[in-house]
Protein backbone atom coordinates (compact mmCIF):
# COMPACT_ATOMS: atom_id res chain seq x y z
CA MET A 1 -120.90 36.09 -11.45
CA LYS A 2 -119.28 37.47 -14.59
CA ARG A 3 -117.62 40.23 -12.54
CA SER A 4 -116.29 37.80 -9.92
CA THR A 5 -114.57 35.50 -12.43
CA PRO A 6 -111.66 37.90 -13.29
CA THR A 7 -111.23 38.69 -9.60
CA LEU A 8 -111.08 34.99 -8.73
CA LEU A 9 -108.51 34.29 -11.47
CA ALA A 10 -106.40 37.22 -10.36
CA GLY A 11 -106.49 35.96 -6.80
CA LEU A 12 -105.43 32.46 -7.82
CA LEU A 13 -102.55 33.83 -9.90
CA ALA A 14 -101.34 36.07 -7.05
CA GLY A 15 -101.48 33.12 -4.64
CA ALA A 16 -99.42 30.94 -6.97
CA LEU A 17 -96.75 33.64 -7.39
CA LEU A 18 -96.64 34.32 -3.66
CA GLY A 19 -96.30 30.63 -2.88
CA SER A 20 -93.43 30.09 -5.28
CA GLY A 21 -91.64 33.18 -3.94
CA THR A 22 -92.05 32.00 -0.36
CA ALA A 23 -90.72 28.56 -1.22
CA GLN A 24 -87.70 30.13 -2.91
CA ALA A 25 -87.10 32.50 0.00
CA PHE A 26 -87.02 29.67 2.53
CA SER A 27 -85.04 27.28 0.37
CA PHE A 28 -81.93 25.81 1.97
CA ASP A 29 -80.14 25.55 -1.38
CA PHE A 30 -77.64 28.39 -1.04
CA GLY A 31 -75.80 27.50 -4.23
CA ASP A 32 -72.15 26.62 -4.59
CA ASP A 33 -69.18 27.55 -6.69
CA ASN A 34 -67.04 25.41 -8.94
CA ASP A 35 -70.04 23.57 -10.40
CA PHE A 36 -68.17 24.16 -13.64
CA TYR A 37 -65.99 21.17 -12.77
CA TYR A 38 -68.71 18.74 -11.83
CA PRO A 39 -71.41 17.12 -13.97
CA PRO A 40 -75.05 17.40 -12.85
CA PRO A 41 -76.48 14.52 -10.79
CA TRP A 42 -78.42 13.17 -13.77
CA ALA A 43 -75.24 12.85 -15.89
CA ALA A 44 -73.30 9.65 -16.53
CA PRO A 45 -71.93 7.70 -13.53
CA TYR A 46 -68.88 9.07 -11.75
CA GLY A 47 -65.73 8.60 -13.81
CA ALA A 48 -67.53 7.81 -17.06
CA PRO A 49 -66.81 10.03 -20.11
CA ALA A 50 -70.24 11.67 -20.19
CA TYR A 51 -69.41 14.25 -22.83
CA GLY A 52 -66.84 12.60 -25.07
CA ALA A 53 -63.24 12.65 -23.91
CA PRO A 54 -62.63 12.18 -20.16
CA PRO A 55 -61.65 15.27 -18.13
CA PRO A 56 -57.93 16.12 -17.92
CA TYR A 57 -57.90 15.28 -14.21
CA ALA A 58 -59.97 13.19 -11.82
CA LEU A 59 -62.95 14.79 -10.11
CA PRO A 60 -62.74 13.78 -6.45
CA PRO A 61 -65.64 14.21 -4.04
CA ARG A 62 -65.40 17.90 -3.23
CA LEU A 63 -65.40 19.41 0.22
CA PRO A 64 -68.13 21.85 1.31
CA ARG A 65 -67.74 25.41 0.08
CA TYR A 66 -66.63 26.86 3.44
CA GLU A 67 -63.98 24.14 3.85
CA ARG A 68 -62.52 24.77 0.39
CA ASP A 69 -62.42 28.50 1.09
CA ARG A 70 -60.72 27.86 4.44
CA MET A 71 -58.04 25.74 2.79
CA ARG A 72 -57.49 28.37 0.11
CA SER A 73 -57.03 31.04 2.79
CA GLU A 74 -54.70 28.85 4.84
CA ARG A 75 -52.43 27.98 1.94
CA GLN A 76 -52.33 31.59 0.77
CA ARG A 77 -51.26 32.68 4.25
CA LEU A 78 -48.61 29.96 4.23
CA MET A 79 -47.26 31.09 0.85
CA GLU A 80 -47.17 34.70 2.06
CA SER A 81 -45.20 33.53 5.10
CA HIS A 82 -42.71 31.75 2.83
CA GLN A 83 -42.34 34.87 0.68
CA GLU A 84 -41.80 37.05 3.74
CA ALA A 85 -39.11 34.68 5.05
CA LEU A 86 -37.33 34.61 1.68
CA ASN A 87 -37.40 38.41 1.46
CA GLU A 88 -35.92 38.74 4.95
CA LEU A 89 -33.17 36.23 4.15
CA ALA A 90 -32.37 37.98 0.87
CA ALA A 91 -32.09 41.32 2.68
CA MET A 92 -29.63 39.82 5.18
CA LEU A 93 -27.52 38.04 2.58
CA TYR A 94 -27.43 40.77 -0.06
CA GLY A 95 -26.83 43.85 2.08
CA GLY A 96 -30.34 45.13 2.66
CA LYS A 97 -30.04 44.80 6.44
CA GLY A 98 -27.72 43.49 9.13
CA PHE A 99 -27.22 39.75 9.52
CA ASP A 100 -28.59 37.88 12.54
CA ARG A 101 -27.62 34.21 12.50
CA THR A 102 -30.31 33.06 14.92
CA GLN A 103 -33.07 34.89 13.06
CA ALA A 104 -31.80 33.66 9.69
CA VAL A 105 -31.88 30.04 10.84
CA GLN A 106 -35.39 30.51 12.23
CA LEU A 107 -36.60 31.92 8.90
CA ALA A 108 -35.22 28.94 6.98
CA ARG A 109 -36.78 26.55 9.49
CA ARG A 110 -40.12 28.33 9.09
CA ILE A 111 -40.08 27.53 5.38
CA GLU A 112 -39.02 23.95 6.14
CA ALA A 113 -41.96 23.50 8.54
CA GLY A 114 -44.40 24.79 5.90
CA ALA A 115 -43.09 22.48 3.18
CA GLY A 116 -43.56 18.75 2.55
CA VAL A 117 -46.60 17.48 4.44
CA GLY A 118 -46.98 20.93 5.99
CA LEU A 119 -47.79 22.24 2.51
CA LEU A 120 -49.74 19.27 1.14
CA ARG A 121 -52.29 19.34 3.99
CA PHE A 122 -53.83 22.48 2.45
CA PHE A 123 -54.31 20.83 -0.95
CA HIS A 124 -56.90 18.20 -0.05
CA PRO A 125 -58.16 16.28 -3.14
CA GLY A 126 -61.62 17.70 -2.55
CA SER A 127 -60.43 21.33 -2.46
CA ILE A 128 -59.85 21.60 -6.21
CA PRO A 129 -59.68 25.26 -7.16
CA ALA A 130 -61.80 27.73 -5.24
CA TRP A 131 -62.45 31.20 -6.58
CA GLY A 132 -59.67 33.62 -5.70
CA SER A 133 -57.05 30.86 -5.81
CA ARG A 134 -54.03 30.80 -8.09
CA ALA A 135 -53.69 27.04 -7.71
CA LEU A 136 -53.88 25.26 -11.07
CA PRO A 137 -55.84 22.01 -11.62
CA SER A 138 -52.48 20.40 -12.47
CA ILE A 139 -51.85 20.15 -8.72
CA TRP A 140 -54.66 17.63 -8.42
CA SER A 141 -54.08 15.88 -11.74
CA ASN A 142 -50.34 15.38 -11.09
CA GLN A 143 -50.20 14.93 -7.34
CA GLU A 144 -47.04 12.80 -7.38
CA GLU A 145 -45.00 15.58 -8.99
CA PHE A 146 -46.52 18.20 -6.71
CA LYS A 147 -45.63 16.07 -3.67
CA ALA A 148 -42.08 15.72 -4.99
CA LYS A 149 -41.84 19.51 -5.32
CA ALA A 150 -43.14 20.00 -1.76
CA ASP A 151 -40.55 17.52 -0.44
CA GLU A 152 -37.82 19.22 -2.49
CA LEU A 153 -38.75 22.54 -0.91
CA LYS A 154 -38.47 21.02 2.56
CA GLN A 155 -35.03 19.58 1.82
CA ALA A 156 -33.77 22.85 0.31
CA ALA A 157 -34.94 24.87 3.33
CA ALA A 158 -33.36 22.38 5.75
CA ALA A 159 -30.06 22.52 3.85
CA LEU A 160 -30.07 26.32 4.01
CA ALA A 161 -30.82 26.31 7.75
CA GLU A 162 -27.91 23.94 8.40
CA GLU A 163 -25.54 26.05 6.29
CA LEU A 164 -26.61 29.24 8.07
CA ALA A 165 -26.00 27.66 11.47
CA ARG A 166 -22.53 26.39 10.54
CA GLN A 167 -19.52 28.26 11.88
CA PRO A 168 -17.16 28.45 8.89
CA ASP A 169 -13.40 28.29 8.80
CA PRO A 170 -12.14 31.91 9.18
CA LYS A 171 -9.98 31.44 6.08
CA GLU A 172 -13.00 30.81 3.84
CA ALA A 173 -15.64 32.79 5.66
CA VAL A 174 -17.55 35.75 4.24
CA TYR A 175 -18.09 38.52 6.79
CA LEU A 176 -21.46 40.26 6.94
CA PRO A 177 -22.40 43.31 9.04
CA ARG A 178 -24.04 42.27 12.28
CA ALA A 179 -27.60 43.38 12.96
CA ASN A 180 -27.85 45.90 15.82
CA ALA A 181 -24.06 46.29 15.87
CA ALA A 182 -24.46 49.97 16.69
CA PHE A 183 -26.19 49.08 19.98
CA GLU A 184 -24.23 45.93 20.89
CA CYS A 185 -20.64 46.68 19.85
CA LYS A 186 -18.07 49.31 20.72
CA ASP A 187 -16.85 51.53 17.92
CA GLU A 188 -13.34 50.05 17.95
CA ASP A 189 -14.52 46.41 18.17
CA LYS A 190 -14.51 45.41 14.51
CA ALA A 191 -14.85 41.68 15.26
CA CYS A 192 -18.12 42.32 17.10
CA LYS A 193 -19.56 44.21 14.14
CA GLU A 194 -19.14 41.33 11.69
CA VAL A 195 -20.55 37.81 11.46
CA ALA A 196 -18.68 35.00 9.72
CA VAL A 197 -20.88 33.16 7.22
CA SER A 198 -20.12 30.12 5.07
CA PRO A 199 -19.84 31.00 1.36
CA GLY A 200 -22.12 28.02 0.66
CA VAL A 201 -25.04 29.96 2.16
CA TRP A 202 -25.65 31.83 -1.11
CA GLU A 203 -25.71 28.61 -3.11
CA LYS A 204 -28.23 27.08 -0.71
CA PHE A 205 -30.37 30.21 -0.71
CA ASN A 206 -30.44 30.41 -4.51
CA GLN A 207 -31.35 26.72 -4.66
CA LEU A 208 -34.26 27.30 -2.29
CA SER A 209 -35.47 30.28 -4.30
CA ALA A 210 -35.19 28.32 -7.56
CA THR A 211 -37.21 25.46 -6.03
CA CYS A 212 -40.02 27.87 -5.21
CA GLN A 213 -40.00 29.36 -8.69
CA GLY A 214 -39.87 25.95 -10.36
CA CYS A 215 -42.97 24.81 -8.51
CA HIS A 216 -44.82 28.03 -9.34
CA MET A 217 -44.12 27.62 -13.04
CA GLY A 218 -46.04 24.35 -13.20
CA PHE A 219 -48.65 24.74 -10.50
CA ARG A 220 -49.55 28.42 -10.07
CA GLY A 221 -51.63 30.49 -12.47
CA PHE A 222 -52.66 34.12 -12.72
CA GLY A 223 -55.72 33.58 -10.54
CA TRP A 224 -59.24 32.09 -10.49
CA TRP A 225 -61.64 35.00 -10.07
């Protein structure tokens, strides 16, 4: 009997450890990120200053992890598309490549479509920063200003598209080299090799670029990793 007691205790201990490990292995609690922003369920009621001063921004009901990650990816792709369009327009307007009026208008319209509501839809109140995002919490704490910036971007892109599409007076026009002129124009046809552009195009482009930078200064950080 004395010999069996240690064996019995060892068996009970092994069973307890095995049971707890099995329960953990089959747990459906996969964890979540951003718990840093949210108080535990046993904390003070929602909205109450549980730990002294209230948080600097409201804590809306958050979306599931996969949905927040999806929105982060979608808005990052949208921002990359805007940057690509701006780079292409800058190359056309500042001599990096030939000018194509139709393509230039399409690029400006692409930015317009991804601004305003097209931009805000990827900043759901419950998507407050996910890891890997450069979006600052100020987007969610100052949504009115962020919305105004998104609308300003849409207006600036629309104004640029209209200016690019406008056929200027030849007396005031600026002439840019036509894209693919070597394949579409004869060597002696100088008029075919140039495209007349309104001088106001550069003002509208710079305004659009400044709108992007102004929004980034207040609402984009170095990254949340």
